[in-house]
Amino acid sequence: MSQETRFESVEMIFEGRLRGNQLMLSGKGLTPEEAKLLWESPKMKEVSWLDLDDNNLGDKGVQDLVDCPLLENIQYLNLNKNGISDRGLENLAKAKFLSKLKRLHLKDNPIEGEGIVALFSSETLDNLSTFQINDGWTCKKREGWRYKPQA
């Protein structure tokens, strides 16, 4: 197993991390190559809650995620701390297989703003109602931005 690919099979990734319809992969250091094993697994069709916080997906991993038809049931997606830029968010905004997505977390990514505008204007993410950008900053698509400082 190479340093870059620690999970050689999708079973290794799922092991102990799939709880009902929730897949908890926070802090596993997943690379785009490892995540691609997930995007090819029929089990992903059962997942509606996908926590990918603190991984190494970057824009490439987001593009692979966006291209995956097996993610059609995802309603909650946590992409905090994944090195995702505005380009990745612009790709996400065009996701045709994430039409059920309601909530998106994007904290601690190098986002400057254009990607947020793309998400807000997305024609394919009609159900996306809330996304968090940084601690305290939340956007509700129908209400606009609001800031609530974290205690």
C-alpha atoms as a PDB file:
ATOM      1  CA  MET A   1       0.000   0.000   0.000  1.00  0.00           C
ATOM      2  CA  SER A   2       1.451   3.371  -0.945  1.00  0.00           C
ATOM      3  CA  GLN A   3       1.525   6.408   1.332  1.00  0.00           C
ATOM      4  CA  GLU A   4      -1.020   8.107  -0.952  1.00  0.00           C
ATOM      5  CA  THR A   5      -3.459   5.170  -1.079  1.00  0.00           C
ATOM      6  CA  ARG A   6      -4.039   3.594   2.313  1.00  0.00           C
ATOM      7  CA  PHE A   7      -7.403   2.021   1.487  1.00  0.00           C
ATOM      8  CA  GLU A   8      -7.028  -0.667  -1.155  1.00  0.00           C
ATOM      9  CA  SER A   9     -10.693  -1.628  -1.282  1.00  0.00           C
ATOM     10  CA  VAL A  10     -14.025   0.042  -0.730  1.00  0.00           C
ATOM     11  CA  GLU A  11     -14.761  -2.460   2.063  1.00  0.00           C
ATOM     12  CA  MET A  12     -11.786  -1.056   3.985  1.00  0.00           C
ATOM     13  CA  ILE A  13     -13.272   2.441   3.666  1.00  0.00           C
ATOM     14  CA  PHE A  14     -16.787   1.405   4.704  1.00  0.00           C
ATOM     15  CA  GLU A  15     -15.614  -0.763   7.617  1.00  0.00           C
ATOM     16  CA  GLY A  16     -17.297   0.502  10.800  1.00  0.00           C
ATOM     17  CA  ARG A  17     -18.142   3.830   9.176  1.00  0.00           C
ATOM     18  CA  LEU A  18     -21.516   3.116   7.564  1.00  0.00           C
ATOM     19  CA  ARG A  19     -24.319   3.485  10.087  1.00  0.00           C
ATOM     20  CA  GLY A  20     -27.688   3.039   8.436  1.00  0.00           C
ATOM     21  CA  ASN A  21     -27.825   5.756   5.776  1.00  0.00           C
ATOM     22  CA  GLN A  22     -24.921   7.744   7.278  1.00  0.00           C
ATOM     23  CA  LEU A  23     -21.340   7.362   6.066  1.00  0.00           C
ATOM     24  CA  MET A  24     -18.915   8.946   8.534  1.00  0.00           C
ATOM     25  CA  LEU A  25     -15.481   9.497   6.958  1.00  0.00           C
ATOM     26  CA  SER A  26     -14.270  12.541   8.864  1.00  0.00           C
ATOM     27  CA  GLY A  27     -10.503  12.849   9.244  1.00  0.00           C
ATOM     28  CA  LYS A  28      -9.577   9.766   7.218  1.00  0.00           C
ATOM     29  CA  GLY A  29      -7.295  11.654   4.828  1.00  0.00           C
ATOM     30  CA  LEU A  30      -9.097  10.277   1.775  1.00  0.00           C
ATOM     31  CA  THR A  31      -7.459  11.143  -1.519  1.00  0.00           C
ATOM     32  CA  PRO A  32      -9.418  11.560  -4.769  1.00  0.00           C
ATOM     33  CA  GLU A  33      -8.169   8.104  -5.828  1.00  0.00           C
ATOM     34  CA  GLU A  34      -9.453   6.458  -2.639  1.00  0.00           C
ATOM     35  CA  ALA A  35     -12.757   8.339  -2.807  1.00  0.00           C
ATOM     36  CA  LYS A  36     -13.216   7.060  -6.353  1.00  0.00           C
ATOM     37  CA  LEU A  37     -13.593   3.575  -4.820  1.00  0.00           C
ATOM     38  CA  LEU A  38     -16.631   4.964  -2.969  1.00  0.00           C
ATOM     39  CA  TRP A  39     -18.131   6.614  -6.032  1.00  0.00           C
ATOM     40  CA  GLU A  40     -18.016   3.240  -7.821  1.00  0.00           C
ATOM     41  CA  SER A  41     -19.688   1.301  -4.984  1.00  0.00           C
ATOM     42  CA  PRO A  42     -23.407   0.437  -5.252  1.00  0.00           C
ATOM     43  CA  LYS A  43     -23.623   0.920  -1.443  1.00  0.00           C
ATOM     44  CA  MET A  44     -23.420   4.673  -2.035  1.00  0.00           C
ATOM     45  CA  LYS A  45     -26.982   4.585  -3.357  1.00  0.00           C
ATOM     46  CA  GLU A  46     -28.147   3.902   0.240  1.00  0.00           C
ATOM     47  CA  VAL A  47     -26.286   6.893   1.717  1.00  0.00           C
ATOM     48  CA  SER A  48     -28.129  10.162   2.356  1.00  0.00           C
ATOM     49  CA  TRP A  49     -25.711  11.622   4.964  1.00  0.00           C
ATOM     50  CA  LEU A  50     -22.093  11.866   3.772  1.00  0.00           C
ATOM     51  CA  ASP A  51     -19.480  13.284   6.153  1.00  0.00           C
ATOM     52  CA  LEU A  52     -16.172  13.876   4.339  1.00  0.00           C
ATOM     53  CA  ASP A  53     -14.834  16.504   6.770  1.00  0.00           C
ATOM     54  CA  ASP A  54     -11.040  16.852   6.960  1.00  0.00           C
ATOM     55  CA  ASN A  55      -9.923  14.827   3.943  1.00  0.00           C
ATOM     56  CA  ASN A  56      -7.802  15.546   0.859  1.00  0.00           C
ATOM     57  CA  LEU A  57     -10.379  15.569  -1.934  1.00  0.00           C
ATOM     58  CA  GLY A  58      -9.594  18.958  -3.439  1.00  0.00           C
ATOM     59  CA  ASP A  59     -11.245  20.088  -6.659  1.00  0.00           C
ATOM     60  CA  LYS A  60     -10.429  16.766  -8.386  1.00  0.00           C
ATOM     61  CA  GLY A  61     -12.258  14.766  -5.725  1.00  0.00           C
ATOM     62  CA  VAL A  62     -15.256  17.082  -5.947  1.00  0.00           C
ATOM     63  CA  GLN A  63     -15.389  16.655  -9.730  1.00  0.00           C
ATOM     64  CA  ASP A  64     -15.410  12.865  -9.329  1.00  0.00           C
ATOM     65  CA  LEU A  65     -18.132  13.169  -6.666  1.00  0.00           C
ATOM     66  CA  VAL A  66     -20.247  15.386  -8.947  1.00  0.00           C
ATOM     67  CA  ASP A  67     -19.969  12.831 -11.764  1.00  0.00           C
ATOM     68  CA  CYS A  68     -21.274   9.942  -9.606  1.00  0.00           C
ATOM     69  CA  PRO A  69     -24.891   8.916 -10.306  1.00  0.00           C
ATOM     70  CA  LEU A  70     -24.882   6.678  -7.194  1.00  0.00           C
ATOM     71  CA  LEU A  71     -25.000   9.780  -4.964  1.00  0.00           C
ATOM     72  CA  GLU A  72     -28.541  10.679  -5.995  1.00  0.00           C
ATOM     73  CA  ASN A  73     -29.885  10.259  -2.426  1.00  0.00           C
ATOM     74  CA  ILE A  74     -27.375  12.536  -0.675  1.00  0.00           C
ATOM     75  CA  GLN A  75     -29.160  15.182   1.397  1.00  0.00           C
ATOM     76  CA  TYR A  76     -26.339  16.228   3.745  1.00  0.00           C
ATOM     77  CA  LEU A  77     -22.749  16.681   2.551  1.00  0.00           C
ATOM     78  CA  ASN A  78     -19.855  17.808   4.730  1.00  0.00           C
ATOM     79  CA  LEU A  79     -16.816  18.930   2.711  1.00  0.00           C
ATOM     80  CA  ASN A  80     -15.123  20.999   5.439  1.00  0.00           C
ATOM     81  CA  LYS A  81     -11.309  21.073   5.254  1.00  0.00           C
ATOM     82  CA  ASN A  82     -10.802  19.438   1.863  1.00  0.00           C
ATOM     83  CA  GLY A  83      -8.735  22.002  -0.039  1.00  0.00           C
ATOM     84  CA  ILE A  84     -11.682  22.887  -2.290  1.00  0.00           C
ATOM     85  CA  SER A  85     -11.478  26.153  -4.217  1.00  0.00           C
ATOM     86  CA  ASP A  86     -14.065  28.219  -6.052  1.00  0.00           C
ATOM     87  CA  ARG A  87     -13.458  26.044  -9.122  1.00  0.00           C
ATOM     88  CA  GLY A  88     -14.557  22.971  -7.179  1.00  0.00           C
ATOM     89  CA  LEU A  89     -17.682  24.762  -5.986  1.00  0.00           C
ATOM     90  CA  GLU A  90     -18.495  25.875  -9.519  1.00  0.00           C
ATOM     91  CA  ASN A  91     -18.356  22.205 -10.561  1.00  0.00           C
ATOM     92  CA  LEU A  92     -20.489  21.261  -7.566  1.00  0.00           C
ATOM     93  CA  ALA A  93     -23.069  23.872  -8.586  1.00  0.00           C
ATOM     94  CA  LYS A  94     -23.546  21.956 -11.869  1.00  0.00           C
ATOM     95  CA  ALA A  95     -24.045  18.574 -10.156  1.00  0.00           C
ATOM     96  CA  LYS A  96     -26.922  16.820 -11.870  1.00  0.00           C
ATOM     97  CA  PHE A  97     -26.895  13.816  -9.512  1.00  0.00           C
ATOM     98  CA  LEU A  98     -27.139  15.782  -6.232  1.00  0.00           C
ATOM     99  CA  SER A  99     -30.640  17.120  -6.745  1.00  0.00           C
ATOM    100  CA  LYS A 100     -31.758  16.007  -3.240  1.00  0.00           C
ATOM    101  CA  LEU A 101     -28.897  17.849  -1.481  1.00  0.00           C
ATOM    102  CA  LYS A 102     -30.307  20.133   1.245  1.00  0.00           C
ATOM    103  CA  ARG A 103     -27.350  21.010   3.466  1.00  0.00           C
ATOM    104  CA  LEU A 104     -23.696  21.586   2.543  1.00  0.00           C
ATOM    105  CA  HIS A 105     -20.754  22.343   4.844  1.00  0.00           C
ATOM    106  CA  LEU A 106     -17.679  24.021   3.330  1.00  0.00           C
ATOM    107  CA  LYS A 107     -15.749  25.488   6.268  1.00  0.00           C
ATOM    108  CA  ASP A 108     -11.959  25.862   6.142  1.00  0.00           C
ATOM    109  CA  ASN A 109     -11.557  25.595   2.360  1.00  0.00           C
ATOM    110  CA  PRO A 110      -9.684  28.203   0.243  1.00  0.00           C
ATOM    111  CA  ILE A 111     -12.882  29.765  -1.118  1.00  0.00           C
ATOM    112  CA  GLU A 112     -12.815  33.362  -2.300  1.00  0.00           C
ATOM    113  CA  GLY A 113     -16.426  33.858  -3.370  1.00  0.00           C
ATOM    114  CA  GLU A 114     -17.165  33.012  -7.001  1.00  0.00           C
ATOM    115  CA  GLY A 115     -17.974  29.416  -6.111  1.00  0.00           C
ATOM    116  CA  ILE A 116     -20.468  30.555  -3.486  1.00  0.00           C
ATOM    117  CA  VAL A 117     -22.228  32.707  -6.070  1.00  0.00           C
ATOM    118  CA  ALA A 118     -22.363  29.651  -8.356  1.00  0.00           C
ATOM    119  CA  LEU A 119     -23.929  27.535  -5.582  1.00  0.00           C
ATOM    120  CA  PHE A 120     -26.442  30.256  -4.787  1.00  0.00           C
ATOM    121  CA  SER A 121     -27.391  30.480  -8.486  1.00  0.00           C
ATOM    122  CA  SER A 122     -27.317  26.733  -9.202  1.00  0.00           C
ATOM    123  CA  GLU A 123     -30.105  25.449 -11.390  1.00  0.00           C
ATOM    124  CA  THR A 124     -29.433  21.797 -10.549  1.00  0.00           C
ATOM    125  CA  LEU A 125     -29.209  22.069  -6.743  1.00  0.00           C
ATOM    126  CA  ASP A 126     -32.800  23.257  -6.278  1.00  0.00           C
ATOM    127  CA  ASN A 127     -33.186  21.632  -2.848  1.00  0.00           C
ATOM    128  CA  LEU A 128     -29.961  23.072  -1.420  1.00  0.00           C
ATOM    129  CA  SER A 129     -31.330  25.373   1.235  1.00  0.00           C
ATOM    130  CA  THR A 130     -28.388  25.877   3.606  1.00  0.00           C
ATOM    131  CA  PHE A 131     -24.638  26.009   3.275  1.00  0.00           C
ATOM    132  CA  GLN A 132     -21.995  26.956   5.823  1.00  0.00           C
ATOM    133  CA  ILE A 133     -18.825  28.652   4.642  1.00  0.00           C
ATOM    134  CA  ASN A 134     -16.919  29.584   7.801  1.00  0.00           C
ATOM    135  CA  ASP A 135     -17.601  29.426  11.517  1.00  0.00           C
ATOM    136  CA  GLY A 136     -20.682  31.493  12.114  1.00  0.00           C
ATOM    137  CA  TRP A 137     -21.455  32.236   8.439  1.00  0.00           C
ATOM    138  CA  THR A 138     -24.460  30.423   7.043  1.00  0.00           C
ATOM    139  CA  CYS A 139     -26.386  31.048   3.854  1.00  0.00           C
ATOM    140  CA  LYS A 140     -30.012  30.107   3.570  1.00  0.00           C
ATOM    141  CA  LYS A 141     -30.804  30.413  -0.112  1.00  0.00           C
ATOM    142  CA  ARG A 142     -34.200  31.959   0.437  1.00  0.00           C
ATOM    143  CA  GLU A 143     -33.122  34.287   3.261  1.00  0.00           C
ATOM    144  CA  GLY A 144     -29.535  35.268   2.390  1.00  0.00           C
ATOM    145  CA  TRP A 145     -26.486  35.430   4.632  1.00  0.00           C
ATOM    146  CA  ARG A 146     -26.540  35.531   8.381  1.00  0.00           C
ATOM    147  CA  TYR A 147     -23.772  35.544  10.923  1.00  0.00           C
ATOM    148  CA  LYS A 148     -24.047  33.887  14.293  1.00  0.00           C
ATOM    149  CA  PRO A 149     -20.755  33.910  16.187  1.00  0.00           C
ATOM    150  CA  GLN A 150     -19.696  30.569  17.616  1.00  0.00           C
ATOM    151  CA  ALA A 151     -19.615  30.575  21.405  1.00  0.00           C
END
